[in-house]
Amino acid sequence: VLIRRVIINAAIIAILAIALYIIQLTVTEFAQATTFLYLVPSLLLSFFNFTLPIFFRILAEQEFWRTELFVIQLTVVRAMILRITSLFVFFYYLFLKRSN
């Protein structure tokens, strides 16, 4: 069970890292766009904030925790980490791009 939890947590960290990298790429590419493409980073951020917590819930159920309450708490914590870090990456690269 411990090895399964370590593998799942490593997968979650990898998913978070990939999502943050994709947000960084889209902000640096489309932040200065003049057409509707400037909306791509915001839409992608909303997409990640909607879909990834669903995957976190599925993965948390596969960790076989004792109570359902702990699974919910773990999913909420992971979702909050996603939202806070994705907003930080979004605004950091947005202001970095605008200042150059």
C-alpha atoms as a PDB file:
ATOM      1  CA  VAL A   1       0.000   0.000   0.000  1.00  0.00           C
ATOM      2  CA  LEU A   2       2.875   2.369   0.779  1.00  0.00           C
ATOM      3  CA  ILE A   3       4.516   1.860  -2.610  1.00  0.00           C
ATOM      4  CA  ARG A   4       1.167   2.458  -4.312  1.00  0.00           C
ATOM      5  CA  ARG A   5       0.730   5.747  -2.422  1.00  0.00           C
ATOM      6  CA  VAL A   6       4.253   6.881  -3.308  1.00  0.00           C
ATOM      7  CA  ILE A   7       3.677   6.118  -6.984  1.00  0.00           C
ATOM      8  CA  ILE A   8       0.321   7.915  -6.994  1.00  0.00           C
ATOM      9  CA  ASN A   9       1.778  10.966  -5.232  1.00  0.00           C
ATOM     10  CA  ALA A  10       4.651  11.036  -7.729  1.00  0.00           C
ATOM     11  CA  ALA A  11       2.087  10.906 -10.537  1.00  0.00           C
ATOM     12  CA  ILE A  12       0.162  13.799  -8.991  1.00  0.00           C
ATOM     13  CA  ILE A  13       3.323  15.872  -8.670  1.00  0.00           C
ATOM     14  CA  ALA A  14       4.138  15.088 -12.304  1.00  0.00           C
ATOM     15  CA  ILE A  15       0.626  16.082 -13.408  1.00  0.00           C
ATOM     16  CA  LEU A  16       0.937  19.358 -11.487  1.00  0.00           C
ATOM     17  CA  ALA A  17       4.347  20.082 -12.984  1.00  0.00           C
ATOM     18  CA  ILE A  18       3.130  19.391 -16.517  1.00  0.00           C
ATOM     19  CA  ALA A  19       0.037  21.558 -16.013  1.00  0.00           C
ATOM     20  CA  LEU A  20       2.109  24.441 -14.650  1.00  0.00           C
ATOM     21  CA  TYR A  21       4.574  24.139 -17.520  1.00  0.00           C
ATOM     22  CA  ILE A  22       1.740  24.207 -20.059  1.00  0.00           C
ATOM     23  CA  ILE A  23       0.290  27.296 -18.366  1.00  0.00           C
ATOM     24  CA  GLN A  24       3.703  28.959 -18.507  1.00  0.00           C
ATOM     25  CA  LEU A  25       4.044  28.141 -22.207  1.00  0.00           C
ATOM     26  CA  THR A  26       0.615  29.462 -23.113  1.00  0.00           C
ATOM     27  CA  VAL A  27       1.069  32.672 -21.129  1.00  0.00           C
ATOM     28  CA  THR A  28       4.398  33.425 -22.777  1.00  0.00           C
ATOM     29  CA  GLU A  29       3.000  32.600 -26.233  1.00  0.00           C
ATOM     30  CA  PHE A  30      -0.445  34.173 -26.176  1.00  0.00           C
ATOM     31  CA  ALA A  31      -0.334  36.968 -23.580  1.00  0.00           C
ATOM     32  CA  GLN A  32       0.534  39.617 -26.164  1.00  0.00           C
ATOM     33  CA  ALA A  33      -1.861  38.354 -28.842  1.00  0.00           C
ATOM     34  CA  THR A  34      -4.148  40.898 -30.401  1.00  0.00           C
ATOM     35  CA  THR A  35      -6.923  38.532 -31.462  1.00  0.00           C
ATOM     36  CA  PHE A  36      -9.031  36.253 -29.323  1.00  0.00           C
ATOM     37  CA  LEU A  37      -5.928  34.118 -28.678  1.00  0.00           C
ATOM     38  CA  TYR A  38      -5.092  36.176 -25.599  1.00  0.00           C
ATOM     39  CA  LEU A  39      -7.917  34.236 -23.904  1.00  0.00           C
ATOM     40  CA  VAL A  40      -6.154  30.875 -24.322  1.00  0.00           C
ATOM     41  CA  PRO A  41      -4.153  31.054 -21.049  1.00  0.00           C
ATOM     42  CA  SER A  42      -7.237  31.932 -19.009  1.00  0.00           C
ATOM     43  CA  LEU A  43      -9.315  29.217 -20.633  1.00  0.00           C
ATOM     44  CA  LEU A  44      -6.555  26.680 -20.087  1.00  0.00           C
ATOM     45  CA  LEU A  45      -6.267  27.698 -16.441  1.00  0.00           C
ATOM     46  CA  SER A  46     -10.018  27.222 -16.025  1.00  0.00           C
ATOM     47  CA  PHE A  47      -9.847  23.880 -17.799  1.00  0.00           C
ATOM     48  CA  PHE A  48      -7.107  22.623 -15.483  1.00  0.00           C
ATOM     49  CA  ASN A  49      -8.899  23.904 -12.385  1.00  0.00           C
ATOM     50  CA  PHE A  50     -12.010  22.027 -13.453  1.00  0.00           C
ATOM     51  CA  THR A  51     -10.594  18.721 -14.692  1.00  0.00           C
ATOM     52  CA  LEU A  52      -7.533  17.992 -12.569  1.00  0.00           C
ATOM     53  CA  PRO A  53      -9.377  17.806  -9.218  1.00  0.00           C
ATOM     54  CA  ILE A  54     -11.500  15.057 -10.778  1.00  0.00           C
ATOM     55  CA  PHE A  55      -8.331  13.112 -11.539  1.00  0.00           C
ATOM     56  CA  PHE A  56      -7.038  13.850  -8.043  1.00  0.00           C
ATOM     57  CA  ARG A  57     -10.212  12.341  -6.598  1.00  0.00           C
ATOM     58  CA  ILE A  58      -9.876   9.228  -8.740  1.00  0.00           C
ATOM     59  CA  LEU A  59      -6.233   8.819  -7.763  1.00  0.00           C
ATOM     60  CA  ALA A  60      -6.973   9.441  -4.075  1.00  0.00           C
ATOM     61  CA  GLU A  61      -9.530   6.624  -4.132  1.00  0.00           C
ATOM     62  CA  GLN A  62      -6.837   4.309  -5.497  1.00  0.00           C
ATOM     63  CA  GLU A  63      -4.621   5.001  -2.482  1.00  0.00           C
ATOM     64  CA  PHE A  64      -7.010   3.040  -0.248  1.00  0.00           C
ATOM     65  CA  TRP A  65      -7.215   5.404   2.718  1.00  0.00           C
ATOM     66  CA  ARG A  66      -9.240   4.248   5.715  1.00  0.00           C
ATOM     67  CA  THR A  67     -11.970   6.878   5.653  1.00  0.00           C
ATOM     68  CA  GLU A  68     -13.794   8.672   2.894  1.00  0.00           C
ATOM     69  CA  LEU A  69     -13.368  11.925   4.819  1.00  0.00           C
ATOM     70  CA  PHE A  70      -9.586  11.724   4.482  1.00  0.00           C
ATOM     71  CA  VAL A  71      -9.906  11.102   0.742  1.00  0.00           C
ATOM     72  CA  ILE A  72     -12.044  14.231   0.442  1.00  0.00           C
ATOM     73  CA  GLN A  73      -9.625  16.286   2.530  1.00  0.00           C
ATOM     74  CA  LEU A  74      -6.680  15.072   0.485  1.00  0.00           C
ATOM     75  CA  THR A  75      -8.456  15.924  -2.746  1.00  0.00           C
ATOM     76  CA  VAL A  76      -9.324  19.410  -1.493  1.00  0.00           C
ATOM     77  CA  VAL A  77      -5.733  20.062  -0.416  1.00  0.00           C
ATOM     78  CA  ARG A  78      -4.410  18.921  -3.784  1.00  0.00           C
ATOM     79  CA  ALA A  79      -6.964  21.056  -5.614  1.00  0.00           C
ATOM     80  CA  MET A  80      -6.022  24.113  -3.540  1.00  0.00           C
ATOM     81  CA  ILE A  81      -2.335  23.540  -4.264  1.00  0.00           C
ATOM     82  CA  LEU A  82      -3.208  23.344  -7.964  1.00  0.00           C
ATOM     83  CA  ARG A  83      -5.242  26.542  -7.877  1.00  0.00           C
ATOM     84  CA  ILE A  84      -2.733  28.569  -5.885  1.00  0.00           C
ATOM     85  CA  THR A  85       0.323  27.480  -7.852  1.00  0.00           C
ATOM     86  CA  SER A  86      -1.394  27.793 -11.225  1.00  0.00           C
ATOM     87  CA  LEU A  87      -2.520  31.330 -10.419  1.00  0.00           C
ATOM     88  CA  PHE A  88       0.991  32.187  -9.243  1.00  0.00           C
ATOM     89  CA  VAL A  89       2.544  30.825 -12.446  1.00  0.00           C
ATOM     90  CA  PHE A  90      -0.108  32.548 -14.561  1.00  0.00           C
ATOM     91  CA  PHE A  91       0.383  35.989 -13.027  1.00  0.00           C
ATOM     92  CA  TYR A  92       4.153  35.668 -12.697  1.00  0.00           C
ATOM     93  CA  TYR A  93       4.678  34.945 -16.375  1.00  0.00           C
ATOM     94  CA  LEU A  94       1.966  37.379 -17.410  1.00  0.00           C
ATOM     95  CA  PHE A  95       3.654  40.280 -15.616  1.00  0.00           C
ATOM     96  CA  LEU A  96       7.085  39.067 -16.673  1.00  0.00           C
ATOM     97  CA  LYS A  97       5.952  39.049 -20.293  1.00  0.00           C
ATOM     98  CA  ARG A  98       4.262  42.447 -20.024  1.00  0.00           C
ATOM     99  CA  SER A  99       7.277  44.082 -18.390  1.00  0.00           C
ATOM    100  CA  ASN A 100       9.592  43.072 -21.258  1.00  0.00           C
END
